[in-house]
Protein backbone atom coordinates (compact mmCIF):
# COMPACT_ATOMS: atom_id res chain seq x y z
CA MET A 1 0.00 0.00 0.00
CA VAL A 2 1.29 3.46 -0.90
CA THR A 3 -0.18 6.78 0.19
CA LEU A 4 -0.31 9.69 -2.26
CA PRO A 5 -1.40 13.31 -1.90
CA TYR A 6 -4.93 14.01 -3.11
CA GLY A 7 -6.41 17.47 -2.73
CA GLU A 8 -5.82 18.57 0.85
CA GLY A 9 -5.71 14.95 1.98
CA THR A 10 -4.37 11.63 0.75
CA VAL A 11 -5.44 8.51 -1.11
CA ASP A 12 -4.22 4.96 -0.40
CA VAL A 13 -3.25 2.89 -3.42
CA ASP A 14 -2.94 -0.92 -3.38
CA LEU A 15 -0.26 -2.08 -5.84
CA SER A 16 0.42 -5.41 -4.13
CA ASP A 17 0.17 -7.31 -7.43
CA CYS A 18 2.91 -5.15 -9.01
CA ASP A 19 6.68 -4.81 -8.68
CA VAL A 20 6.91 -1.39 -7.01
CA THR A 21 9.82 1.04 -6.61
CA VAL A 22 9.33 4.32 -4.75
CA ALA A 23 11.31 7.43 -5.73
CA GLU A 24 11.78 9.45 -2.55
CA PRO A 25 14.14 12.46 -2.55
CA SER A 26 16.55 12.67 0.37
CA GLY A 27 14.93 15.98 1.31
CA ALA A 28 16.28 18.44 3.81
CA GLU A 29 15.44 19.60 7.31
CA PRO A 30 12.36 21.86 7.22
CA VAL A 31 12.67 25.38 8.59
CA ASP A 32 10.20 27.72 10.21
CA PRO A 33 8.99 29.96 7.35
CA ARG A 34 8.88 33.18 9.36
CA ALA A 35 12.26 32.68 11.01
CA ALA A 36 13.84 31.74 7.66
CA ALA A 37 12.27 34.75 5.93
CA GLU A 38 13.42 37.13 8.65
CA ARG A 39 16.98 35.77 8.45
CA ALA A 40 16.96 36.11 4.67
CA VAL A 41 15.72 39.71 4.75
CA ALA A 42 18.31 40.61 7.39
CA ASP A 43 21.14 39.11 5.30
CA PRO A 44 20.13 39.49 1.64
CA HIS A 45 21.95 39.26 -1.66
CA GLY A 46 22.70 42.96 -1.98
CA PRO A 47 21.45 45.79 0.23
CA ARG A 48 18.64 45.37 2.75
CA LEU A 49 15.18 46.45 1.68
CA ARG A 50 15.10 49.07 4.44
CA GLU A 51 18.24 50.57 2.89
CA VAL A 52 16.73 50.65 -0.61
CA ALA A 53 13.31 52.02 0.34
CA ASP A 54 12.57 55.71 0.76
CA PRO A 55 9.81 56.94 3.12
CA ASP A 56 8.06 58.62 0.18
CA ASP A 57 8.05 55.53 -2.06
CA ASP A 58 4.90 54.04 -3.51
CA VAL A 59 5.55 50.31 -3.36
CA ALA A 60 4.21 47.46 -5.48
CA LEU A 61 4.53 44.09 -3.75
CA VAL A 62 3.82 41.31 -6.26
CA VAL A 63 2.88 37.94 -4.72
CA THR A 64 2.07 34.50 -6.11
CA ASP A 65 -1.46 33.24 -6.72
CA VAL A 66 -3.44 30.23 -5.53
CA THR A 67 -1.57 27.86 -7.89
CA ARG A 68 1.60 28.19 -5.78
CA ALA A 69 2.08 26.90 -2.24
CA THR A 70 3.99 30.02 -1.21
CA PRO A 71 3.41 31.19 2.40
CA ASP A 72 2.62 34.67 1.11
CA ASP A 73 0.92 35.72 4.34
CA VAL A 74 4.22 35.24 6.20
CA LEU A 75 6.45 36.65 3.46
CA ALA A 76 4.28 39.72 2.94
CA ASP A 77 4.21 40.40 6.67
CA VAL A 78 8.02 40.19 6.90
CA LEU A 79 8.43 42.51 3.92
CA LEU A 80 5.86 45.01 5.23
CA HIS A 81 7.70 45.06 8.56
CA GLU A 82 10.95 45.82 6.74
CA LEU A 83 9.28 48.61 4.76
CA THR A 84 7.87 50.07 7.96
CA ALA A 85 11.40 50.13 9.36
CA ALA A 86 12.35 52.27 6.35
CA GLY A 87 9.56 54.74 7.12
CA VAL A 88 7.15 53.52 4.42
CA ASP A 89 3.53 53.68 5.57
CA ARG A 90 1.40 50.61 5.01
CA GLU A 91 -1.02 52.66 2.87
CA GLN A 92 1.79 53.28 0.37
CA VAL A 93 1.93 49.57 -0.50
CA THR A 94 -0.21 47.82 -3.10
CA VAL A 95 -0.12 44.03 -3.12
CA VAL A 96 -0.56 42.80 -6.69
CA ILE A 97 -1.53 39.14 -7.04
CA GLY A 98 0.54 37.68 -9.88
CA LEU A 99 -2.07 35.73 -11.80
CA GLY A 100 -0.44 35.63 -15.22
CA LEU A 101 -3.33 34.25 -17.28
CA HIS A 102 -4.82 32.23 -14.40
CA ARG A 103 -8.21 33.06 -12.99
CA PRO A 104 -8.62 35.87 -10.42
CA MET A 105 -8.47 34.81 -6.79
CA THR A 106 -11.67 35.11 -4.79
CA ASP A 107 -11.94 37.34 -1.73
CA ALA A 108 -11.88 34.26 0.50
CA GLU A 109 -8.76 32.92 -1.22
CA ILE A 110 -7.07 36.29 -0.85
CA ARG A 111 -7.82 36.38 2.86
CA ARG A 112 -6.50 32.84 3.34
CA GLY A 113 -3.42 33.48 1.23
CA LEU A 114 -2.41 36.90 2.49
CA GLY A 115 -3.76 37.15 6.03
CA ASP A 116 -3.39 40.67 7.41
CA ALA A 117 -2.15 41.97 4.04
CA ALA A 118 -5.35 40.97 2.23
CA ASP A 119 -6.84 44.47 2.43
CA LEU A 120 -3.93 45.80 0.33
CA ALA A 121 -4.40 43.26 -2.47
CA VAL A 122 -5.67 43.56 -6.03
CA ASN A 123 -5.85 40.85 -8.69
CA HIS A 124 -3.60 41.47 -11.67
CA ASP A 125 -5.40 42.36 -14.90
CA PRO A 126 -3.29 41.35 -17.95
CA ASP A 127 -5.23 43.87 -20.04
CA ALA A 128 -4.15 46.79 -17.81
CA THR A 129 -0.40 46.85 -18.42
CA VAL A 130 2.24 49.45 -19.29
CA ALA A 131 5.41 48.97 -21.37
CA VAL A 132 8.63 49.48 -19.39
CA GLY A 133 11.24 48.18 -21.85
CA THR A 134 11.99 45.40 -24.32
CA VAL A 135 13.59 41.95 -24.37
CA ASP A 136 14.67 40.53 -27.73
CA GLY A 137 12.60 43.25 -29.38
CA VAL A 138 9.46 42.21 -27.49
CA PRO A 139 7.82 44.81 -25.22
CA VAL A 140 8.00 44.06 -21.52
CA GLU A 141 4.64 45.15 -20.14
CA VAL A 142 3.60 44.95 -16.50
CA ASN A 143 0.64 45.80 -14.32
CA GLU A 144 0.09 49.56 -14.33
CA ARG A 145 0.50 49.72 -10.55
CA VAL A 146 3.85 47.97 -10.83
CA ALA A 147 4.98 50.26 -13.65
CA ALA A 148 4.04 53.36 -11.63
CA ALA A 149 5.68 52.20 -8.38
CA ASP A 150 8.86 53.75 -7.03
CA LEU A 151 9.87 50.40 -5.55
CA VAL A 152 9.03 46.90 -6.85
CA VAL A 153 9.22 43.99 -4.41
CA SER A 154 8.07 40.38 -4.83
CA THR A 155 7.62 37.04 -3.18
CA GLY A 156 8.08 33.72 -4.95
CA MET A 157 8.45 29.96 -4.80
CA VAL A 158 11.64 28.47 -6.24
CA GLU A 159 10.43 25.05 -7.35
CA PRO A 160 11.11 22.89 -10.43
CA HIS A 161 9.67 24.52 -13.55
CA GLN A 162 9.30 22.97 -17.00
CA TYR A 163 10.75 25.95 -18.85
CA ALA A 164 12.57 28.21 -16.39
CA GLY A 165 14.42 25.34 -14.72
CA PHE A 166 13.16 26.69 -11.44
CA SER A 167 10.47 29.30 -10.87
CA GLY A 168 10.78 32.35 -8.64
CA GLY A 169 12.87 35.50 -8.85
CA ALA A 170 11.70 38.02 -11.43
CA LYS A 171 9.16 35.55 -12.85
CA THR A 172 6.57 36.48 -10.20
CA VAL A 173 6.59 40.02 -11.59
CA VAL A 174 7.23 39.76 -15.34
CA VAL A 175 4.91 36.79 -15.93
CA GLY A 176 2.62 36.93 -12.90
CA ALA A 177 1.99 40.67 -13.34
CA GLY A 178 2.84 40.75 -17.05
CA SER A 179 0.98 41.13 -20.30
CA GLU A 180 -0.42 38.54 -22.65
CA SER A 181 2.05 39.61 -25.34
CA PHE A 182 5.13 38.92 -23.22
CA ILE A 183 3.67 35.62 -22.05
CA ARG A 184 3.08 34.78 -25.72
CA TYR A 185 6.77 35.35 -26.45
CA THR A 186 8.25 33.55 -23.45
CA HIS A 187 5.84 30.61 -23.69
CA GLY A 188 5.79 30.35 -27.47
CA PRO A 189 7.21 27.44 -29.51
CA ASP A 190 10.28 29.36 -30.66
CA LEU A 191 11.67 30.08 -27.19
CA LEU A 192 10.47 26.80 -25.65
CA GLY A 193 12.15 24.85 -28.43
CA ARG A 194 15.62 26.30 -27.83
CA PRO A 195 18.41 24.16 -26.38
CA GLY A 196 18.79 24.67 -22.64
CA VAL A 197 15.11 25.30 -21.90
CA ARG A 198 14.64 22.45 -19.45
CA LEU A 199 13.37 21.39 -16.07
CA GLY A 200 15.66 21.73 -13.07
CA ASP A 201 18.46 23.86 -14.56
CA VAL A 202 18.76 27.66 -14.59
CA THR A 203 22.28 27.78 -16.03
CA GLY A 204 22.38 28.60 -19.74
CA ASN A 205 18.59 28.43 -19.88
CA PRO A 206 17.22 30.86 -22.54
CA PHE A 207 13.80 31.03 -20.87
CA ARG A 208 15.31 31.90 -17.50
CA ASP A 209 17.59 34.45 -19.16
CA ALA A 210 14.64 36.18 -20.86
CA ILE A 211 12.77 36.34 -17.56
CA ASP A 212 15.78 37.79 -15.75
CA ARG A 213 16.37 40.44 -18.41
CA ALA A 214 12.70 41.38 -18.27
CA GLY A 215 13.11 41.75 -14.51
CA ASP A 216 15.93 44.21 -15.19
CA ALA A 217 13.62 46.20 -17.47
CA VAL A 218 10.95 46.35 -14.77
CA ALA A 219 13.61 47.09 -12.14
CA VAL A 220 12.57 44.45 -9.62
CA ASP A 221 14.34 45.90 -6.59
CA PHE A 222 14.04 43.13 -4.02
CA CYS A 223 12.50 39.67 -3.74
CA LEU A 224 11.90 37.24 -0.91
CA ASN A 225 11.60 33.63 -2.09
CA VAL A 226 11.35 30.22 -0.47
CA THR A 227 11.75 26.64 -1.63
CA HIS A 228 9.86 23.61 -0.38
CA GLU A 229 9.24 19.88 -0.43
CA ARG A 230 5.71 18.52 0.10
CA GLY A 231 4.66 21.84 1.57
CA ALA A 232 7.49 22.01 4.10
CA ILE A 233 9.67 25.08 3.64
CA LEU A 234 13.32 24.11 3.21
CA GLY A 235 14.88 27.56 2.99
CA ALA A 236 14.51 31.24 2.12
CA ALA A 237 16.64 33.82 0.33
CA ALA A 238 16.17 37.51 -0.31
CA GLY A 239 17.63 40.40 -2.27
CA ARG A 240 18.49 40.61 -5.96
CA PRO A 241 16.43 38.14 -8.03
CA ARG A 242 19.20 36.27 -9.86
CA PRO A 243 21.29 35.17 -6.86
CA VAL A 244 18.12 34.44 -4.89
CA VAL A 245 17.02 31.92 -7.54
CA GLU A 246 20.52 30.47 -7.88
CA THR A 247 20.83 29.98 -4.13
CA LEU A 248 17.47 28.29 -3.66
CA ALA A 249 17.67 26.28 -6.89
CA GLY A 250 20.93 24.79 -5.66
CA ALA A 251 19.36 23.87 -2.33
CA ALA A 252 16.28 22.45 -4.05
CA ARG A 253 18.29 20.32 -6.48
CA GLU A 254 20.25 18.80 -3.62
CA ALA A 255 17.07 18.01 -1.69
CA LEU A 256 14.86 16.86 -4.56
CA ALA A 257 17.11 14.82 -6.88
CA VAL A 258 16.66 11.03 -7.17
CA GLU A 259 18.74 8.78 -9.42
CA VAL A 260 16.59 6.35 -11.41
CA ASP A 261 18.37 4.07 -13.88
CA ASP A 262 15.47 1.89 -15.05
CA ARG A 263 12.30 2.53 -17.03
CA TYR A 264 8.88 1.29 -15.98
CA ASP A 265 5.54 0.09 -17.36
CA ALA A 266 3.75 2.66 -15.24
CA VAL A 267 4.76 5.68 -13.19
CA VAL A 268 2.28 6.67 -10.48
CA ALA A 269 2.68 10.36 -9.66
CA GLY A 270 1.40 12.30 -6.66
CA VAL A 271 0.33 15.93 -7.00
CA GLY A 272 -2.14 17.11 -4.33
CA ALA A 273 -3.33 20.64 -3.55
CA PRO A 274 -3.07 23.28 -4.85
CA LYS A 275 -1.94 21.83 -8.18
CA ASP A 276 -4.61 19.14 -8.52
CA ALA A 277 -7.39 21.73 -8.48
CA ASN A 278 -7.51 21.62 -12.29
CA LEU A 279 -6.20 19.59 -15.21
CA TYR A 280 -3.97 22.40 -16.49
CA GLN A 281 -1.86 22.34 -13.32
CA THR A 282 -2.11 18.57 -12.74
CA THR A 283 -0.54 17.76 -16.12
CA ARG A 284 2.69 19.33 -14.89
CA ALA A 285 3.41 16.02 -13.14
CA PHE A 286 3.11 14.21 -16.47
CA THR A 287 5.35 16.53 -18.47
CA TYR A 288 7.89 16.93 -15.67
CA LEU A 289 8.35 13.16 -15.68
CA VAL A 290 8.25 12.41 -19.41
CA LEU A 291 10.15 15.53 -20.56
CA GLY A 292 12.55 15.76 -17.62
CA ALA A 293 16.23 14.85 -17.42
CA HIS A 294 15.35 11.13 -17.24
CA ASN A 295 12.11 9.77 -18.71
CA PRO A 296 11.23 6.79 -16.48
CA VAL A 297 8.40 5.50 -18.70
CA ARG A 298 9.01 2.59 -21.07
CA ASP A 299 7.89 2.82 -24.68
CA GLY A 300 4.16 2.17 -24.66
CA GLY A 301 3.99 2.90 -20.93
CA ARG A 302 1.80 5.23 -18.93
CA VAL A 303 1.77 7.86 -16.22
CA VAL A 304 -1.02 7.61 -13.63
CA VAL A 305 -1.98 10.64 -11.55
CA PRO A 306 -4.74 10.70 -8.91
CA ALA A 307 -6.17 14.23 -8.86
CA ARG A 308 -9.35 15.84 -7.56
CA LEU A 309 -9.91 18.41 -10.37
CA PRO A 310 -12.78 20.31 -8.71
CA GLU A 311 -12.21 23.11 -11.27
CA GLY A 312 -12.19 20.77 -14.27
CA ALA A 313 -9.65 21.99 -16.82
CA GLY A 314 -9.39 25.34 -15.02
CA ASP A 315 -11.18 28.69 -15.20
CA GLY A 316 -8.48 31.15 -16.32
CA THR A 317 -7.78 32.35 -19.86
CA GLY A 318 -4.75 30.09 -20.19
CA GLU A 319 -6.61 27.09 -18.79
CA ARG A 320 -9.50 27.58 -21.21
CA ARG A 321 -7.12 27.77 -24.16
CA PHE A 322 -5.32 24.65 -22.93
CA TYR A 323 -8.63 22.79 -22.84
CA ARG A 324 -9.75 24.02 -26.25
CA TYR A 325 -6.59 22.86 -28.04
CA LEU A 326 -6.60 19.42 -26.43
CA SER A 327 -10.34 18.79 -26.61
CA GLU A 328 -10.51 19.71 -30.30
CA ALA A 329 -7.53 17.53 -31.27
CA ASP A 330 -7.73 14.09 -32.85
CA ASP A 331 -4.32 12.87 -31.73
CA PRO A 332 -1.22 14.22 -29.92
CA GLY A 333 1.15 14.08 -32.88
CA THR A 334 -1.05 16.14 -35.17
CA LEU A 335 -1.74 18.65 -32.40
CA TYR A 336 1.95 19.01 -31.61
CA GLU A 337 2.89 19.68 -35.23
CA ARG A 338 0.05 22.19 -35.56
CA MET A 339 1.08 24.05 -32.40
CA ARG A 340 4.73 24.23 -33.46
CA LYS A 341 3.55 26.95 -35.87
CA GLY A 342 2.27 29.07 -32.96
CA TYR A 343 -0.50 29.37 -30.41
CA GLU A 344 -2.07 31.85 -28.01
CA PRO A 345 -0.43 32.50 -24.63
CA GLY A 346 -1.61 30.06 -22.00
CA ALA A 347 -1.94 27.26 -24.52
CA GLN A 348 1.73 26.30 -24.05
CA ARG A 349 0.66 23.65 -21.54
CA ALA A 350 -1.34 21.94 -24.31
CA PHE A 351 1.78 22.10 -26.50
CA VAL A 352 4.04 20.34 -23.99
CA VAL A 353 1.29 17.86 -23.03
CA ALA A 354 0.85 16.95 -26.70
CA ARG A 355 4.62 16.54 -26.99
CA ALA A 356 4.67 14.18 -23.97
CA LEU A 357 1.58 12.26 -25.08
CA ARG A 358 3.47 11.16 -28.19
CA ASP A 359 5.69 9.09 -25.87
CA ALA A 360 3.37 7.95 -23.06
CA ASP A 361 -0.29 7.75 -22.11
CA LEU A 362 -1.72 9.79 -19.23
CA TYR A 363 -4.31 8.33 -16.85
CA VAL A 364 -5.88 10.83 -14.44
CA THR A 365 -7.78 8.88 -11.79
CA ASN A 366 -10.05 9.59 -8.80
CA SER A 367 -11.18 12.87 -10.34
CA GLU A 368 -14.37 14.86 -10.03
CA SER A 369 -14.12 15.75 -13.76
CA PRO A 370 -13.60 12.49 -15.71
CA ALA A 371 -15.42 13.80 -18.80
CA VAL A 372 -12.98 16.72 -19.03
CA VAL A 373 -10.03 14.34 -18.78
CA GLU A 374 -11.42 11.98 -21.45
CA SER A 375 -12.03 14.87 -23.84
CA CYS A 376 -8.35 15.90 -23.65
CA LEU A 377 -6.67 12.83 -25.20
CA MET A 378 -6.27 11.26 -21.74
CA HIS A 379 -7.89 8.44 -19.77
CA ALA A 380 -10.01 8.77 -16.62
CA PRO A 381 -10.44 5.46 -14.77
CA ALA A 382 -11.99 5.59 -11.33
CA SER A 383 -8.89 4.56 -9.40
CA VAL A 384 -5.16 4.02 -9.69
CA ALA A 385 -5.70 0.26 -9.42
CA ASP A 386 -7.93 0.45 -12.51
CA ALA A 387 -5.18 2.24 -14.43
CA VAL A 388 -2.25 -0.07 -13.61
CA GLU A 389 -2.20 -3.55 -15.11
CA PRO A 390 -1.43 -6.42 -12.70
CA GLY A 391 2.17 -7.56 -12.84
CA SER A 392 3.45 -4.18 -14.01
CA GLU A 393 6.78 -2.76 -12.99
CA VAL A 394 5.76 0.47 -11.31
CA LEU A 395 7.65 3.54 -10.18
CA VAL A 396 5.82 5.59 -7.54
CA VAL A 397 6.81 9.26 -7.29
CA PRO A 398 4.84 10.57 -4.29
CA ASP A 399 5.71 14.24 -4.93
CA ALA A 400 6.11 14.37 -8.70
CA LEU A 401 6.27 18.16 -8.95
CA ASN A 402 9.12 18.36 -6.49
CA THR A 403 11.19 15.34 -7.46
CA LEU A 404 13.97 15.59 -10.04
CA LEU A 405 14.63 12.21 -11.66
CA LEU A 406 18.21 11.92 -12.88
């Protein structure tokens, strides 16, 4: 019996009739989020925030949205305390929720996510952006409140990312509070197809480089990021975005890497909340495994992911585009070739899913939205046991989004 994350809880899976291997990262000792954040802010990469801030500054604090497990309530509180120490009044701070093209957060979600800072928060509107510079000839446009701010600060989660290697740093601002046009460029087939755009590596990564240069154009002054494993915070870093990401990516790689030499008939992948709220986010587990440094799935094999999917495919602009491309397709290969010619921003997840589906099948089990799954070139059996054939060689990855298979 193995236990996998499922929504806010868990699901038990009986694979007793299979040959099972479990891929568990070595992990690291968890830290207290507030204490780690306070230490990071007191000893940042570069000057302290209280040294950078001016009492007259209007401040934009960009935070992550509900799709990230960032303890933004704690991080925002630590940053607001640091700004207060610089003489910045609380009323001079606007908290911008970095949605990208995801759906707006509800008032209840904002209160849960931001705690005492919730009254300062506004959802990002990708249609209300201002150009602040260019990257590779493409305008860098950000939320009008960010563009008008004297000081730009952000939170972030440095976790494995399909394109950026690791998320976090300037990405919270330039994508989370960015425009559809810049998301179209960074998530388009041209940039995503370049050598070096890969999971788990920020060095020589063209996607990461474009994000960092866009952060320079916006002038992201200070960020406070954390990294985690299964919801436990492993560390924090603060200051200039590039070294913050490099520091936490190094710590995350050490904690999350697992060497896997073999390939398997089936890989059972755990996701859990908040990522298993919709199919768009859940499919990250599939593409991280199949398109990662080591694909553990045999030819003709499958990936099996138990996921709740209370939001179906997802409610945001990007999620709706993802669903449209997949649900209207006849087969993954044809869809992939079609999308290589271009697609709307947000649909990039359909592009990488189609790419991965050429090599392996995806079974999403235990979901509340099986019809959505079935309409997207995937399978939706009721349980993991129904998706794994008896006698299979199975690799179980309990935390697929935070495990780097090497």
